[in-house]
Protein backbone atom coordinates (compact mmCIF):
# COMPACT_ATOMS: atom_id res chain seq x y z
CA MET A 1 106.31 88.20 99.53
CA SER A 2 102.72 87.01 99.25
CA LEU A 3 100.15 89.81 99.36
CA LEU A 4 97.06 87.67 98.70
CA ALA A 5 96.72 84.00 99.56
CA VAL A 6 93.74 81.88 98.54
CA LYS A 7 93.74 78.37 99.98
CA GLN A 8 91.35 75.55 99.13
CA VAL A 9 88.44 77.87 98.34
CA TYR A 10 85.17 76.20 97.37
CA LYS A 11 81.92 77.80 96.23
CA ASP A 12 78.62 76.18 95.41
CA PHE A 13 75.27 77.70 94.56
CA ASN A 14 72.42 75.52 95.79
CA GLY A 15 74.45 72.39 95.15
CA LEU A 16 76.07 73.58 91.91
CA GLU A 17 79.83 73.52 92.49
CA VAL A 18 81.58 76.42 90.76
CA LEU A 19 84.90 76.46 92.62
CA THR A 20 86.36 73.16 93.76
CA GLY A 21 89.47 73.89 95.80
CA VAL A 22 91.24 76.97 94.39
CA ASP A 23 94.77 77.77 95.57
CA LEU A 24 96.27 81.10 94.51
CA ASP A 25 99.35 82.99 95.65
CA VAL A 26 99.62 86.61 94.46
CA ARG A 27 103.00 88.19 95.10
CA ALA A 28 103.38 91.82 96.11
CA LYS A 29 104.00 94.33 93.27
CA LYS A 30 103.53 91.64 90.60
CA ARG A 31 100.92 91.34 87.87
CA HIS A 32 99.00 88.10 88.13
CA ALA A 33 96.48 87.06 85.48
CA ILE A 34 93.68 84.52 85.70
CA ILE A 35 92.54 82.97 82.45
CA GLY A 36 90.22 80.14 81.56
CA PRO A 37 87.20 79.22 79.45
CA ASN A 38 83.76 80.71 80.05
CA GLY A 39 82.12 79.09 83.06
CA ALA A 40 85.43 78.21 84.71
CA GLY A 41 84.56 80.31 87.77
CA LYS A 42 86.82 83.35 87.24
CA THR A 43 84.30 86.05 88.16
CA THR A 44 83.00 83.96 91.06
CA LEU A 45 86.55 83.79 92.39
CA PHE A 46 86.89 87.58 92.03
CA ASN A 47 83.59 88.05 93.86
CA ILE A 48 84.88 85.95 96.74
CA ILE A 49 88.24 87.74 96.90
CA SER A 50 86.58 91.17 96.83
CA GLY A 51 83.90 90.21 99.38
CA ARG A 52 80.75 90.22 97.23
CA PHE A 53 80.36 86.47 97.83
CA LYS A 54 81.43 84.34 100.76
CA ALA A 55 83.28 81.13 100.09
CA SER A 56 81.47 77.92 100.98
CA ARG A 57 84.72 76.95 102.64
CA GLY A 58 88.39 77.82 102.41
CA TYR A 59 90.77 80.56 103.54
CA ILE A 60 91.60 83.98 102.09
CA ALA A 61 94.35 86.20 103.52
CA PHE A 62 95.30 89.72 102.46
CA LYS A 63 98.47 91.15 103.98
CA ASP A 64 98.44 88.19 106.38
CA ASN A 65 94.93 89.09 107.60
CA ASN A 66 92.13 86.57 107.35
CA ILE A 67 89.54 88.53 105.34
CA GLY A 68 87.00 85.77 104.71
CA SER A 69 84.31 87.45 106.83
CA LEU A 70 85.04 91.06 105.88
CA SER A 71 82.71 93.22 103.76
CA PRO A 72 83.87 94.72 100.43
CA HIS A 73 84.19 98.11 102.15
CA ALA A 74 86.40 96.68 104.89
CA ARG A 75 88.62 95.01 102.30
CA ASN A 76 88.85 98.30 100.43
CA ARG A 77 90.02 100.03 103.59
CA LEU A 78 92.77 97.42 103.90
CA GLY A 79 94.03 98.39 100.44
CA MET A 80 92.09 96.28 97.92
CA CYS A 81 90.09 97.80 95.06
CA ARG A 82 88.18 96.23 92.18
CA SER A 83 86.96 97.29 88.74
CA PHE A 84 84.13 95.46 86.97
CA GLN A 85 83.32 94.05 83.52
CA ILE A 86 80.72 96.79 83.05
CA THR A 87 81.81 100.40 83.44
CA ASN A 88 80.98 101.63 86.91
CA VAL A 89 81.16 105.43 86.94
CA PHE A 90 78.83 108.23 88.04
CA HIS A 91 77.52 109.31 84.65
CA ASN A 92 75.95 112.59 85.72
CA LEU A 93 78.98 113.83 87.65
CA SER A 94 82.04 115.40 86.08
CA VAL A 95 85.17 113.38 85.42
CA PHE A 96 86.93 115.41 88.12
CA VAL A 97 84.27 114.75 90.78
CA ASN A 98 84.23 111.02 89.98
CA VAL A 99 87.91 110.74 90.90
CA GLN A 100 87.78 113.36 93.65
CA ALA A 101 85.15 111.35 95.54
CA GLY A 102 87.53 108.41 95.79
CA VAL A 103 90.41 110.60 96.91
CA ARG A 104 88.23 112.11 99.64
CA CYS A 105 87.19 108.65 100.77
CA SER A 106 90.79 107.39 100.91
CA GLN A 107 91.70 110.31 103.16
CA GLY A 108 88.70 109.83 105.43
CA LEU A 109 87.10 113.15 104.45
CA ARG A 110 83.34 113.48 104.61
CA TYR A 111 81.33 116.18 102.91
CA ASN A 112 81.16 119.28 105.08
CA LEU A 113 78.89 122.24 104.42
CA PHE A 114 81.54 124.56 105.85
CA LYS A 115 84.50 123.14 103.93
CA ARG A 116 83.94 123.27 100.19
CA PRO A 117 85.74 120.59 98.10
CA GLU A 118 87.39 123.15 95.84
CA ASN A 119 89.22 124.56 98.85
CA MET A 120 90.86 121.26 99.71
CA ARG A 121 94.08 121.76 97.80
CA ALA A 122 95.73 118.45 98.63
CA VAL A 123 92.67 116.50 97.50
CA ASN A 124 92.45 118.47 94.27
CA ARG A 125 96.15 118.09 93.52
CA ARG A 126 95.89 114.33 93.99
CA THR A 127 92.79 114.23 91.75
CA GLU A 128 94.52 116.22 89.01
CA ALA A 129 97.59 113.96 89.19
CA ILE A 130 95.40 110.89 88.63
CA LEU A 131 93.60 112.54 85.71
CA GLU A 132 96.98 113.33 84.16
CA LYS A 133 98.04 109.70 84.56
CA ILE A 134 94.91 108.32 82.89
CA GLY A 135 94.92 110.95 80.13
CA LEU A 136 91.66 112.69 81.05
CA ILE A 137 92.86 116.02 82.44
CA ASP A 138 91.41 117.90 79.45
CA GLU A 139 88.03 116.22 80.04
CA ARG A 140 87.94 117.04 83.75
CA ASP A 141 84.73 119.11 83.59
CA ILE A 142 82.80 116.84 81.20
CA PRO A 143 80.02 114.62 82.64
CA ALA A 144 81.35 111.08 82.76
CA GLY A 145 78.40 109.84 80.72
CA GLU A 146 79.57 111.89 77.73
CA LEU A 147 82.94 110.15 77.52
CA SER A 148 83.63 107.48 74.91
CA TYR A 149 83.54 103.87 76.07
CA GLY A 150 87.33 103.65 76.17
CA GLN A 151 87.54 106.89 78.16
CA GLN A 152 84.97 105.62 80.64
CA ARG A 153 87.09 102.53 81.20
CA ALA A 154 90.09 104.81 81.74
CA LEU A 155 88.06 106.84 84.23
CA GLU A 156 87.15 103.67 86.09
CA ILE A 157 90.87 102.93 86.43
CA GLY A 158 91.30 106.47 87.74
CA ILE A 159 88.57 105.89 90.33
CA THR A 160 90.34 102.69 91.33
CA LEU A 161 93.63 104.57 91.76
CA SER A 162 91.91 107.31 93.78
CA THR A 163 91.71 105.02 96.82
CA ASP A 164 95.48 104.37 96.59
CA PRO A 165 95.14 100.56 96.70
CA GLU A 166 97.93 98.06 97.16
CA LEU A 167 96.00 95.39 95.25
CA ILE A 168 93.96 96.19 92.13
CA LEU A 169 91.50 93.61 90.81
CA MET A 170 90.49 94.13 87.18
CA ASP A 171 87.72 92.04 85.65
CA GLU A 172 88.04 92.06 81.84
CA PRO A 173 89.11 95.72 81.56
CA THR A 174 89.27 95.63 77.74
CA ALA A 175 85.93 93.89 77.14
CA GLY A 176 84.03 95.56 74.29
CA MET A 177 86.99 97.64 73.13
CA THR A 178 88.31 98.01 69.60
CA ARG A 179 91.86 96.86 68.90
CA GLU A 180 93.10 100.45 69.04
CA GLU A 181 91.32 101.05 72.36
CA THR A 182 92.74 97.80 73.70
CA GLU A 183 96.31 98.82 72.85
CA GLN A 184 95.72 102.15 74.61
CA ALA A 185 94.27 100.30 77.61
CA ILE A 186 97.34 98.06 77.85
CA ASP A 187 99.58 101.13 78.02
CA LEU A 188 97.31 102.75 80.59
CA ILE A 189 97.14 99.66 82.81
CA ASP A 190 100.91 99.31 82.55
CA VAL A 191 101.39 102.87 83.84
CA ALA A 192 98.57 102.77 86.39
CA THR A 193 99.72 99.55 88.07
CA ALA A 194 103.42 100.37 88.25
CA ASP A 195 104.67 99.57 91.78
CA ARG A 196 101.29 98.04 92.65
CA THR A 197 99.93 94.52 92.69
CA LEU A 198 97.50 93.60 89.90
CA LEU A 199 95.16 90.62 89.70
CA ILE A 200 93.44 90.61 86.32
CA ILE A 201 90.87 88.48 84.49
CA GLU A 202 91.02 88.87 80.73
CA HIS A 203 90.11 86.86 77.62
CA ASP A 204 92.37 88.81 75.26
CA MET A 205 95.65 86.92 75.27
CA ASN A 206 97.52 89.90 73.84
CA VAL A 207 96.57 91.84 76.98
CA ILE A 208 97.59 88.96 79.24
CA PHE A 209 100.95 88.32 77.62
CA SER A 210 101.68 92.06 77.48
CA LEU A 211 101.10 92.63 81.18
CA ALA A 212 101.33 89.50 83.32
CA ASP A 213 104.29 88.27 85.33
CA THR A 214 102.36 85.16 86.36
CA ILE A 215 99.37 83.43 84.77
CA SER A 216 97.01 81.03 86.52
CA VAL A 217 94.65 78.91 84.45
CA LEU A 218 91.27 78.19 86.05
CA HIS A 219 89.55 75.12 84.61
CA HIS A 220 86.53 73.24 85.96
CA GLY A 221 86.65 75.29 89.17
CA THR A 222 90.26 74.68 90.10
CA ILE A 223 93.73 75.91 89.11
CA LEU A 224 95.09 73.77 86.28
CA ALA A 225 98.46 75.53 86.10
CA SER A 226 100.17 78.63 87.47
CA ASP A 227 103.48 79.79 86.03
CA THR A 228 105.30 82.40 83.94
CA PRO A 229 103.67 83.49 80.66
CA GLU A 230 106.21 81.54 78.60
CA ALA A 231 105.69 78.36 80.60
CA ILE A 232 101.91 78.70 80.33
CA ARG A 233 102.14 79.32 76.58
CA ASN A 234 104.03 76.02 76.19
CA ASP A 235 102.04 73.92 78.68
CA GLN A 236 100.26 71.18 76.77
CA ARG A 237 97.54 70.88 79.42
CA VAL A 238 96.73 74.57 78.98
CA LYS A 239 96.72 74.25 75.18
CA ASP A 240 94.30 71.36 75.40
CA ALA A 241 92.02 73.10 77.92
CA TYR A 242 92.05 76.69 76.72
CA LEU A 243 94.70 78.25 74.50
CA GLY A 244 94.66 75.80 71.62
CA GLU A 245 97.64 74.85 69.47
CA ASP A 246 97.47 77.98 67.31
CA ASP A 247 97.94 80.31 70.32
């Protein structure tokens, strides 16, 4: 079943065409990767799917709803959540509060002077469960800004999970990581996205081939190929455009 459908999406910036008719079909509870050379339009496509940009023309449906005119917040409420290339956490707040804020939001709870957060047991249990999953339960009281880079990326995944999304969009989640941190991130993403739908942009092919069920190759603003990892690895067009013979 298709969870996200992108049909003939175009985007130009003052006459500069970045996307030139993108078609994408993301199946429910599958991991779908988008790869391509720098400048292919990957982040622009993510910005359109998540609502930061509006397509110049084309159609985007999420859970059979036309979402082309919806704000990022409205798309989040439908069950879509995105992480960014640059870590996006509240550095001065504790690890626990960073995740707790998302849990509160997902349950429609506003801050109330007469109902202290620490008394909301269900919210706190959910927050603790997420911190256990991302391996940061022991760091729960540390300000997020004091975490290592890899831990901050893990926390961002935790914040993403806190809204209980059906579709997670990850934009280069291992960018800037060491090889050891990348291997840990692969394991974390594998666990965190179990039974969810993942759409991921990533340059590290080890990450892509470790996680993806389907890979789409974006080249010159359009989808060059979309298939299983093995088929993409052996596609001569993809080798010529991006992977290269050695990969």
